[in-house]
Amino acid sequence: MLQQELLSRTSLETQKLDLMTEVSELKLKLVGMEKEQREQEEKQRKAESVLNVISELQEQMCRLQLDIHRQIQERLLLSRDHPEEVAASDGVAEPQPCSQDCACWEGSPELLQELRHLKIKVEELENERNQYEWKLKATKAEVAQLQEQVALKDAEI
């Protein structure tokens, strides 16, 4: 009877140690997942920051184009009123007004190319942000599941 009790106790101790090991492993995995989640959130914040900078740059570019357009219009008016003062501007065609996305300004192909490049970059960053959001949701679900498992194992112990 004593021997059977000792075997039972040894078996229970072994099970307890196994469960404690499993709980420790789950806790380590949970910590790793939480760290990964924080890293994903940080990447998402950085991507949003880059998108904001790009948006601000696009707005600045539009303002500059509007200012340049205004200056050209003033010079054209000046040349009409005083053609002898602005002889060099006779061959200049009237520029078109700037559209919302500033794509109409044909005076600088480099700026248009840069704008196209920035738009592509924005799309890429938005796609990346969407992927991070999806991964974040999946990670949160997995973390919740691991927390549940840890709670169950703790209850078993």
N, C-alpha and C. Protein backbone atom coordinates (compact mmCIF):
# COMPACT_ATOMS: atom_id res chain seq x y z
N MET A 1 0.82 -1.18 0.00
CA MET A 1 0.00 0.00 0.00
C MET A 1 0.87 1.26 0.00
N LEU A 2 1.90 1.24 0.85
CA LEU A 2 2.82 2.37 0.93
C LEU A 2 3.57 2.54 -0.39
N GLN A 3 3.94 1.41 -0.96
CA GLN A 3 4.66 1.45 -2.23
C GLN A 3 3.75 2.00 -3.33
N GLN A 4 2.51 1.62 -3.35
CA GLN A 4 1.55 2.11 -4.35
C GLN A 4 1.32 3.60 -4.17
N GLU A 5 1.28 4.04 -2.94
CA GLU A 5 1.10 5.44 -2.64
C GLU A 5 2.31 6.24 -3.11
N LEU A 6 3.50 5.70 -2.90
CA LEU A 6 4.72 6.36 -3.36
C LEU A 6 4.76 6.45 -4.88
N LEU A 7 4.35 5.38 -5.56
CA LEU A 7 4.30 5.40 -7.02
C LEU A 7 3.29 6.44 -7.51
N SER A 8 2.16 6.49 -6.86
CA SER A 8 1.13 7.45 -7.24
C SER A 8 1.64 8.88 -7.02
N ARG A 9 2.29 9.07 -5.88
CA ARG A 9 2.83 10.39 -5.57
C ARG A 9 3.92 10.77 -6.56
N THR A 10 4.79 9.84 -6.90
CA THR A 10 5.85 10.08 -7.87
C THR A 10 5.26 10.41 -9.23
N SER A 11 4.23 9.69 -9.61
CA SER A 11 3.55 9.94 -10.88
C SER A 11 2.93 11.34 -10.90
N LEU A 12 2.31 11.70 -9.79
CA LEU A 12 1.72 13.04 -9.70
C LEU A 12 2.79 14.13 -9.74
N GLU A 13 3.90 13.90 -9.07
CA GLU A 13 4.99 14.88 -9.10
C GLU A 13 5.55 15.02 -10.52
N THR A 14 5.68 13.90 -11.21
CA THR A 14 6.16 13.92 -12.59
C THR A 14 5.19 14.70 -13.47
N GLN A 15 3.90 14.45 -13.30
CA GLN A 15 2.89 15.17 -14.08
C GLN A 15 2.95 16.67 -13.77
N LYS A 16 3.12 16.96 -12.48
CA LYS A 16 3.20 18.37 -12.06
C LYS A 16 4.41 19.04 -12.72
N LEU A 17 5.55 18.37 -12.71
CA LEU A 17 6.75 18.94 -13.34
C LEU A 17 6.56 19.11 -14.84
N ASP A 18 5.92 18.13 -15.47
CA ASP A 18 5.64 18.23 -16.91
C ASP A 18 4.75 19.43 -17.20
N LEU A 19 3.70 19.58 -16.38
CA LEU A 19 2.79 20.71 -16.58
C LEU A 19 3.50 22.04 -16.34
N MET A 20 4.33 22.08 -15.32
CA MET A 20 5.07 23.32 -15.04
C MET A 20 6.02 23.65 -16.19
N THR A 21 6.65 22.65 -16.76
CA THR A 21 7.53 22.85 -17.92
C THR A 21 6.73 23.38 -19.09
N GLU A 22 5.57 22.78 -19.32
CA GLU A 22 4.73 23.22 -20.43
C GLU A 22 4.25 24.65 -20.23
N VAL A 23 3.87 24.98 -18.99
CA VAL A 23 3.45 26.35 -18.69
C VAL A 23 4.61 27.32 -18.93
N SER A 24 5.80 26.96 -18.49
CA SER A 24 6.97 27.82 -18.72
C SER A 24 7.22 28.03 -20.20
N GLU A 25 7.12 26.96 -20.98
CA GLU A 25 7.31 27.08 -22.43
C GLU A 25 6.24 27.97 -23.05
N LEU A 26 5.00 27.80 -22.59
CA LEU A 26 3.92 28.65 -23.11
C LEU A 26 4.13 30.11 -22.73
N LYS A 27 4.58 30.34 -21.51
CA LYS A 27 4.85 31.72 -21.09
C LYS A 27 5.97 32.33 -21.92
N LEU A 28 7.02 31.55 -22.20
CA LEU A 28 8.11 32.05 -23.05
C LEU A 28 7.60 32.37 -24.45
N LYS A 29 6.76 31.49 -24.97
CA LYS A 29 6.20 31.71 -26.30
C LYS A 29 5.32 32.96 -26.29
N LEU A 30 4.56 33.13 -25.22
CA LEU A 30 3.70 34.31 -25.08
C LEU A 30 4.54 35.59 -25.06
N VAL A 31 5.63 35.58 -24.31
CA VAL A 31 6.51 36.75 -24.27
C VAL A 31 7.07 37.04 -25.65
N GLY A 32 7.47 35.99 -26.37
CA GLY A 32 7.98 36.17 -27.73
C GLY A 32 6.93 36.76 -28.66
N MET A 33 5.70 36.27 -28.54
CA MET A 33 4.61 36.78 -29.38
C MET A 33 4.31 38.24 -29.05
N GLU A 34 4.33 38.58 -27.76
CA GLU A 34 4.08 39.97 -27.37
C GLU A 34 5.17 40.88 -27.90
N LYS A 35 6.42 40.41 -27.87
CA LYS A 35 7.53 41.20 -28.42
C LYS A 35 7.33 41.40 -29.92
N GLU A 36 6.97 40.33 -30.61
CA GLU A 36 6.72 40.43 -32.05
C GLU A 36 5.57 41.39 -32.33
N GLN A 37 4.55 41.36 -31.50
CA GLN A 37 3.41 42.26 -31.67
C GLN A 37 3.86 43.71 -31.50
N ARG A 38 4.68 43.98 -30.49
CA ARG A 38 5.19 45.35 -30.29
C ARG A 38 6.01 45.80 -31.49
N GLU A 39 6.84 44.89 -32.03
CA GLU A 39 7.64 45.23 -33.21
C GLU A 39 6.76 45.54 -34.41
N GLN A 40 5.70 44.75 -34.59
CA GLN A 40 4.77 44.99 -35.71
C GLN A 40 4.09 46.35 -35.54
N GLU A 41 3.68 46.66 -34.31
CA GLU A 41 3.03 47.95 -34.06
C GLU A 41 4.00 49.10 -34.34
N GLU A 42 5.27 48.93 -33.96
CA GLU A 42 6.28 49.95 -34.22
C GLU A 42 6.48 50.14 -35.73
N LYS A 43 6.54 49.04 -36.47
CA LYS A 43 6.68 49.13 -37.93
C LYS A 43 5.47 49.85 -38.53
N GLN A 44 4.29 49.56 -38.01
CA GLN A 44 3.09 50.21 -38.52
C GLN A 44 3.14 51.71 -38.24
N ARG A 45 3.58 52.09 -37.03
CA ARG A 45 3.69 53.51 -36.71
C ARG A 45 4.68 54.19 -37.64
N LYS A 46 5.80 53.51 -37.94
CA LYS A 46 6.80 54.09 -38.84
C LYS A 46 6.22 54.24 -40.25
N ALA A 47 5.48 53.24 -40.71
CA ALA A 47 4.88 53.32 -42.04
C ALA A 47 3.89 54.47 -42.11
N GLU A 48 3.08 54.64 -41.06
CA GLU A 48 2.13 55.75 -41.03
C GLU A 48 2.86 57.09 -41.02
N SER A 49 3.97 57.14 -40.31
CA SER A 49 4.77 58.36 -40.26
C SER A 49 5.30 58.70 -41.65
N VAL A 50 5.80 57.69 -42.37
CA VAL A 50 6.30 57.92 -43.73
C VAL A 50 5.16 58.39 -44.63
N LEU A 51 3.98 57.79 -44.49
CA LEU A 51 2.84 58.22 -45.29
C LEU A 51 2.49 59.68 -45.01
N ASN A 52 2.55 60.07 -43.74
CA ASN A 52 2.27 61.46 -43.39
C ASN A 52 3.30 62.40 -44.01
N VAL A 53 4.56 62.02 -43.97
CA VAL A 53 5.61 62.86 -44.57
C VAL A 53 5.38 62.99 -46.07
N ILE A 54 5.06 61.89 -46.71
CA ILE A 54 4.81 61.92 -48.16
C ILE A 54 3.63 62.82 -48.47
N SER A 55 2.59 62.71 -47.68
CA SER A 55 1.41 63.56 -47.89
C SER A 55 1.77 65.03 -47.72
N GLU A 56 2.55 65.34 -46.69
CA GLU A 56 2.97 66.73 -46.49
C GLU A 56 3.81 67.22 -47.66
N LEU A 57 4.70 66.37 -48.17
CA LEU A 57 5.52 66.75 -49.32
C LEU A 57 4.66 67.01 -50.56
N GLN A 58 3.64 66.18 -50.75
CA GLN A 58 2.75 66.39 -51.88
C GLN A 58 2.00 67.72 -51.74
N GLU A 59 1.56 68.02 -50.53
CA GLU A 59 0.88 69.30 -50.30
C GLU A 59 1.82 70.47 -50.55
N GLN A 60 3.07 70.35 -50.09
CA GLN A 60 4.05 71.40 -50.33
C GLN A 60 4.29 71.59 -51.83
N MET A 61 4.38 70.48 -52.54
CA MET A 61 4.61 70.56 -53.97
C MET A 61 3.44 71.28 -54.65
N CYS A 62 2.23 70.95 -54.26
CA CYS A 62 1.06 71.64 -54.83
C CYS A 62 1.11 73.13 -54.53
N ARG A 63 1.45 73.49 -53.28
CA ARG A 63 1.53 74.91 -52.94
C ARG A 63 2.60 75.61 -53.77
N LEU A 64 3.74 74.96 -53.95
CA LEU A 64 4.80 75.54 -54.78
C LEU A 64 4.34 75.71 -56.22
N GLN A 65 3.65 74.71 -56.73
CA GLN A 65 3.16 74.80 -58.11
C GLN A 65 2.14 75.93 -58.25
N LEU A 66 1.28 76.07 -57.26
CA LEU A 66 0.31 77.18 -57.30
C LEU A 66 1.03 78.52 -57.24
N ASP A 67 2.06 78.62 -56.39
CA ASP A 67 2.82 79.86 -56.29
C ASP A 67 3.52 80.16 -57.61
N ILE A 68 4.13 79.17 -58.22
CA ILE A 68 4.80 79.36 -59.51
C ILE A 68 3.78 79.76 -60.57
N HIS A 69 2.65 79.11 -60.57
CA HIS A 69 1.58 79.44 -61.52
C HIS A 69 1.15 80.90 -61.34
N ARG A 70 1.00 81.32 -60.08
CA ARG A 70 0.60 82.69 -59.79
C ARG A 70 1.66 83.67 -60.30
N GLN A 71 2.93 83.36 -60.06
CA GLN A 71 4.01 84.24 -60.52
C GLN A 71 4.04 84.32 -62.04
N ILE A 72 3.82 83.21 -62.71
CA ILE A 72 3.79 83.21 -64.17
C ILE A 72 2.63 84.06 -64.67
N GLN A 73 1.48 83.91 -64.03
CA GLN A 73 0.31 84.71 -64.41
C GLN A 73 0.61 86.21 -64.23
N GLU A 74 1.26 86.54 -63.10
CA GLU A 74 1.60 87.95 -62.87
C GLU A 74 2.54 88.46 -63.95
N ARG A 75 3.52 87.66 -64.34
CA ARG A 75 4.46 88.08 -65.39
C ARG A 75 3.75 88.22 -66.73
N LEU A 76 2.82 87.31 -67.02
CA LEU A 76 2.06 87.42 -68.27
C LEU A 76 1.22 88.69 -68.29
N LEU A 77 0.59 88.99 -67.15
CA LEU A 77 -0.20 90.23 -67.07
C LEU A 77 0.70 91.45 -67.21
N LEU A 78 1.85 91.39 -66.57
CA LEU A 78 2.81 92.48 -66.66
C LEU A 78 3.29 92.66 -68.09
N SER A 79 3.52 91.54 -68.79
CA SER A 79 4.01 91.63 -70.16
C SER A 79 2.93 92.20 -71.09
N ARG A 80 1.66 91.92 -70.77
CA ARG A 80 0.57 92.48 -71.58
C ARG A 80 0.43 93.98 -71.34
N ASP A 81 0.59 94.35 -70.05
CA ASP A 81 0.46 95.78 -69.71
C ASP A 81 1.69 96.59 -70.13
N HIS A 82 2.87 95.97 -69.98
CA HIS A 82 4.12 96.65 -70.30
C HIS A 82 5.01 95.70 -71.10
N PRO A 83 4.73 95.54 -72.39
CA PRO A 83 5.49 94.57 -73.18
C PRO A 83 6.98 94.90 -73.28
N GLU A 84 7.36 96.16 -73.16
CA GLU A 84 8.77 96.51 -73.26
C GLU A 84 9.56 96.07 -72.03
N GLU A 85 8.89 95.90 -70.87
CA GLU A 85 9.59 95.50 -69.65
C GLU A 85 9.87 93.99 -69.61
N VAL A 86 9.01 93.20 -70.22
CA VAL A 86 9.17 91.75 -70.13
C VAL A 86 9.22 91.17 -71.53
N ALA A 87 10.27 91.47 -72.26
CA ALA A 87 10.40 91.01 -73.64
C ALA A 87 10.69 89.52 -73.71
N ALA A 88 11.31 88.98 -72.72
CA ALA A 88 11.71 87.57 -72.75
C ALA A 88 10.52 86.63 -72.59
N SER A 89 9.41 87.11 -72.08
CA SER A 89 8.30 86.20 -71.80
C SER A 89 7.30 86.12 -72.95
N ASP A 90 7.61 86.65 -74.13
CA ASP A 90 6.67 86.62 -75.24
C ASP A 90 6.34 85.21 -75.69
N GLY A 91 7.30 84.31 -75.67
CA GLY A 91 7.08 82.96 -76.16
C GLY A 91 6.50 82.02 -75.11
N VAL A 92 6.23 82.49 -73.91
CA VAL A 92 5.75 81.62 -72.83
C VAL A 92 4.25 81.41 -72.97
N ALA A 93 3.85 80.16 -72.99
CA ALA A 93 2.43 79.84 -73.05
C ALA A 93 1.84 79.92 -71.66
N GLU A 94 0.55 80.19 -71.61
CA GLU A 94 -0.10 80.25 -70.30
C GLU A 94 -0.17 78.86 -69.69
N PRO A 95 0.26 78.73 -68.44
CA PRO A 95 0.20 77.43 -67.79
C PRO A 95 -1.22 77.09 -67.39
N GLN A 96 -1.49 75.79 -67.30
CA GLN A 96 -2.79 75.35 -66.84
C GLN A 96 -2.82 75.44 -65.32
N PRO A 97 -4.00 75.66 -64.73
CA PRO A 97 -4.07 75.67 -63.28
C PRO A 97 -3.78 74.28 -62.74
N CYS A 98 -3.28 74.24 -61.52
CA CYS A 98 -2.90 72.97 -60.90
C CYS A 98 -4.13 72.20 -60.47
N SER A 99 -4.14 70.91 -60.80
CA SER A 99 -5.23 70.06 -60.33
C SER A 99 -4.93 69.63 -58.90
N GLN A 100 -5.84 68.90 -58.30
CA GLN A 100 -5.65 68.50 -56.90
C GLN A 100 -4.41 67.65 -56.72
N ASP A 101 -4.14 66.74 -57.63
CA ASP A 101 -2.98 65.87 -57.44
C ASP A 101 -1.72 66.45 -58.09
N CYS A 102 -1.79 67.67 -58.60
CA CYS A 102 -0.65 68.40 -59.13
C CYS A 102 -0.01 67.72 -60.33
N ALA A 103 -0.71 66.87 -61.02
CA ALA A 103 -0.13 66.14 -62.14
C ALA A 103 -0.15 66.96 -63.43
N CYS A 104 -0.79 68.11 -63.43
CA CYS A 104 -0.92 68.88 -64.67
C CYS A 104 0.31 69.73 -64.96
N TRP A 105 1.18 69.92 -63.99
CA TRP A 105 2.30 70.82 -64.20
C TRP A 105 3.33 70.15 -65.07
N GLU A 106 3.43 70.63 -66.30
CA GLU A 106 4.31 70.00 -67.27
C GLU A 106 5.68 70.68 -67.30
N GLY A 107 5.90 71.65 -66.44
CA GLY A 107 7.15 72.39 -66.45
C GLY A 107 8.34 71.60 -65.94
N SER A 108 8.11 70.52 -65.23
CA SER A 108 9.23 69.78 -64.66
C SER A 108 8.95 68.28 -64.68
N PRO A 109 9.48 67.59 -65.68
CA PRO A 109 9.28 66.13 -65.72
C PRO A 109 9.92 65.43 -64.52
N GLU A 110 10.98 66.04 -63.97
CA GLU A 110 11.63 65.43 -62.81
C GLU A 110 10.67 65.42 -61.62
N LEU A 111 9.95 66.53 -61.42
CA LEU A 111 9.00 66.59 -60.30
C LEU A 111 7.84 65.63 -60.53
N LEU A 112 7.38 65.55 -61.77
CA LEU A 112 6.30 64.62 -62.07
C LEU A 112 6.74 63.18 -61.83
N GLN A 113 7.96 62.87 -62.24
CA GLN A 113 8.50 61.53 -62.02
C GLN A 113 8.61 61.25 -60.52
N GLU A 114 9.08 62.24 -59.78
CA GLU A 114 9.20 62.09 -58.33
C GLU A 114 7.82 61.90 -57.70
N LEU A 115 6.84 62.65 -58.18
CA LEU A 115 5.48 62.51 -57.66
C LEU A 115 4.95 61.10 -57.94
N ARG A 116 5.18 60.61 -59.15
CA ARG A 116 4.75 59.24 -59.48
C ARG A 116 5.44 58.23 -58.57
N HIS A 117 6.74 58.44 -58.36
CA HIS A 117 7.50 57.56 -57.49
C HIS A 117 6.94 57.59 -56.06
N LEU A 118 6.61 58.79 -55.58
CA LEU A 118 6.06 58.93 -54.23
C LEU A 118 4.69 58.26 -54.13
N LYS A 119 3.89 58.39 -55.18
CA LYS A 119 2.57 57.74 -55.17
C LYS A 119 2.71 56.22 -55.10
N ILE A 120 3.65 55.69 -55.87
CA ILE A 120 3.90 54.24 -55.84
C ILE A 120 4.36 53.83 -54.45
N LYS A 121 5.25 54.63 -53.88
CA LYS A 121 5.76 54.34 -52.53
C LYS A 121 4.62 54.37 -51.52
N VAL A 122 3.72 55.33 -51.65
CA VAL A 122 2.57 55.41 -50.74
C VAL A 122 1.72 54.15 -50.86
N GLU A 123 1.46 53.71 -52.09
CA GLU A 123 0.68 52.50 -52.28
C GLU A 123 1.37 51.30 -51.65
N GLU A 124 2.69 51.20 -51.85
CA GLU A 124 3.45 50.10 -51.26
C GLU A 124 3.36 50.13 -49.74
N LEU A 125 3.51 51.32 -49.18
CA LEU A 125 3.45 51.44 -47.72
C LEU A 125 2.06 51.13 -47.19
N GLU A 126 1.03 51.52 -47.92
CA GLU A 126 -0.33 51.19 -47.50
C GLU A 126 -0.56 49.68 -47.53
N ASN A 127 -0.05 49.03 -48.58
CA ASN A 127 -0.15 47.57 -48.64
C ASN A 127 0.60 46.92 -47.48
N GLU A 128 1.79 47.44 -47.22
CA GLU A 128 2.59 46.92 -46.11
C GLU A 128 1.86 47.12 -44.78
N ARG A 129 1.26 48.29 -44.61
CA ARG A 129 0.51 48.57 -43.38
C ARG A 129 -0.67 47.59 -43.24
N ASN A 130 -1.36 47.34 -44.35
CA ASN A 130 -2.47 46.38 -44.30
C ASN A 130 -1.99 44.99 -43.91
N GLN A 131 -0.83 44.59 -44.43
CA GLN A 131 -0.26 43.29 -44.06
C GLN A 131 0.08 43.27 -42.57
N TYR A 132 0.67 44.36 -42.07
CA TYR A 132 1.01 44.42 -40.65
C TYR A 132 -0.24 44.35 -39.79
N GLU A 133 -1.30 45.03 -40.23
CA GLU A 133 -2.55 44.99 -39.47
C GLU A 133 -3.09 43.57 -39.43
N TRP A 134 -3.03 42.88 -40.57
CA TRP A 134 -3.52 41.50 -40.61
C TRP A 134 -2.68 40.62 -39.67
N LYS A 135 -1.35 40.77 -39.75
CA LYS A 135 -0.46 40.00 -38.88
C LYS A 135 -0.71 40.32 -37.42
N LEU A 136 -0.95 41.60 -37.14
CA LEU A 136 -1.20 42.01 -35.76
C LEU A 136 -2.47 41.35 -35.22
N LYS A 137 -3.51 41.32 -36.02
CA LYS A 137 -4.75 40.65 -35.60
C LYS A 137 -4.51 39.17 -35.35
N ALA A 138 -3.77 38.54 -36.25
CA ALA A 138 -3.47 37.11 -36.09
C ALA A 138 -2.63 36.88 -34.84
N THR A 139 -1.67 37.76 -34.61
CA THR A 139 -0.81 37.63 -33.43
C THR A 139 -1.62 37.82 -32.16
N LYS A 140 -2.52 38.81 -32.15
CA LYS A 140 -3.37 39.03 -30.98
C LYS A 140 -4.24 37.81 -30.69
N ALA A 141 -4.76 37.21 -31.74
CA ALA A 141 -5.59 36.01 -31.56
C ALA A 141 -4.74 34.89 -30.98
N GLU A 142 -3.53 34.73 -31.50
CA GLU A 142 -2.66 33.67 -31.00
C GLU A 142 -2.24 33.94 -29.55
N VAL A 143 -1.97 35.20 -29.22
CA VAL A 143 -1.62 35.56 -27.85
C VAL A 143 -2.78 35.24 -26.91
N ALA A 144 -3.99 35.57 -27.33
CA ALA A 144 -5.16 35.27 -26.51
C ALA A 144 -5.29 33.76 -26.30
N GLN A 145 -5.06 33.00 -27.35
CA GLN A 145 -5.13 31.54 -27.24
C GLN A 145 -4.06 31.02 -26.28
N LEU A 146 -2.85 31.54 -26.39
CA LEU A 146 -1.78 31.12 -25.50
C LEU A 146 -2.08 31.50 -24.04
N GLN A 147 -2.65 32.67 -23.84
CA GLN A 147 -3.01 33.07 -22.49
C GLN A 147 -4.07 32.12 -21.92
N GLU A 148 -4.99 31.72 -22.77
CA GLU A 148 -6.00 30.75 -22.34
C GLU A 148 -5.35 29.44 -21.94
N GLN A 149 -4.41 28.97 -22.77
CA GLN A 149 -3.72 27.72 -22.47
C GLN A 149 -2.94 27.83 -21.17
N VAL A 150 -2.27 28.96 -20.96
CA VAL A 150 -1.52 29.16 -19.72
C VAL A 150 -2.47 29.13 -18.52
N ALA A 151 -3.61 29.80 -18.66
CA ALA A 151 -4.58 29.80 -17.56
C ALA A 151 -5.09 28.38 -17.27
N LEU A 152 -5.34 27.61 -18.31
CA LEU A 152 -5.79 26.23 -18.13
C LEU A 152 -4.72 25.40 -17.44
N LYS A 153 -3.48 25.55 -17.89
CA LYS A 153 -2.39 24.77 -17.29
C LYS A 153 -2.18 25.19 -15.84
N ASP A 154 -2.28 26.49 -15.56
CA ASP A 154 -2.16 26.97 -14.19
C ASP A 154 -3.27 26.35 -13.33
N ALA A 155 -4.47 26.29 -13.89
CA ALA A 155 -5.59 25.70 -13.16
C ALA A 155 -5.35 24.22 -12.90
N GLU A 156 -4.78 23.54 -13.88
CA GLU A 156 -4.48 22.12 -13.70
C GLU A 156 -3.45 21.92 -12.60
N ILE A 157 -2.46 22.78 -12.57
CA ILE A 157 -1.41 22.66 -11.55
C ILE A 157 -2.00 22.94 -10.20
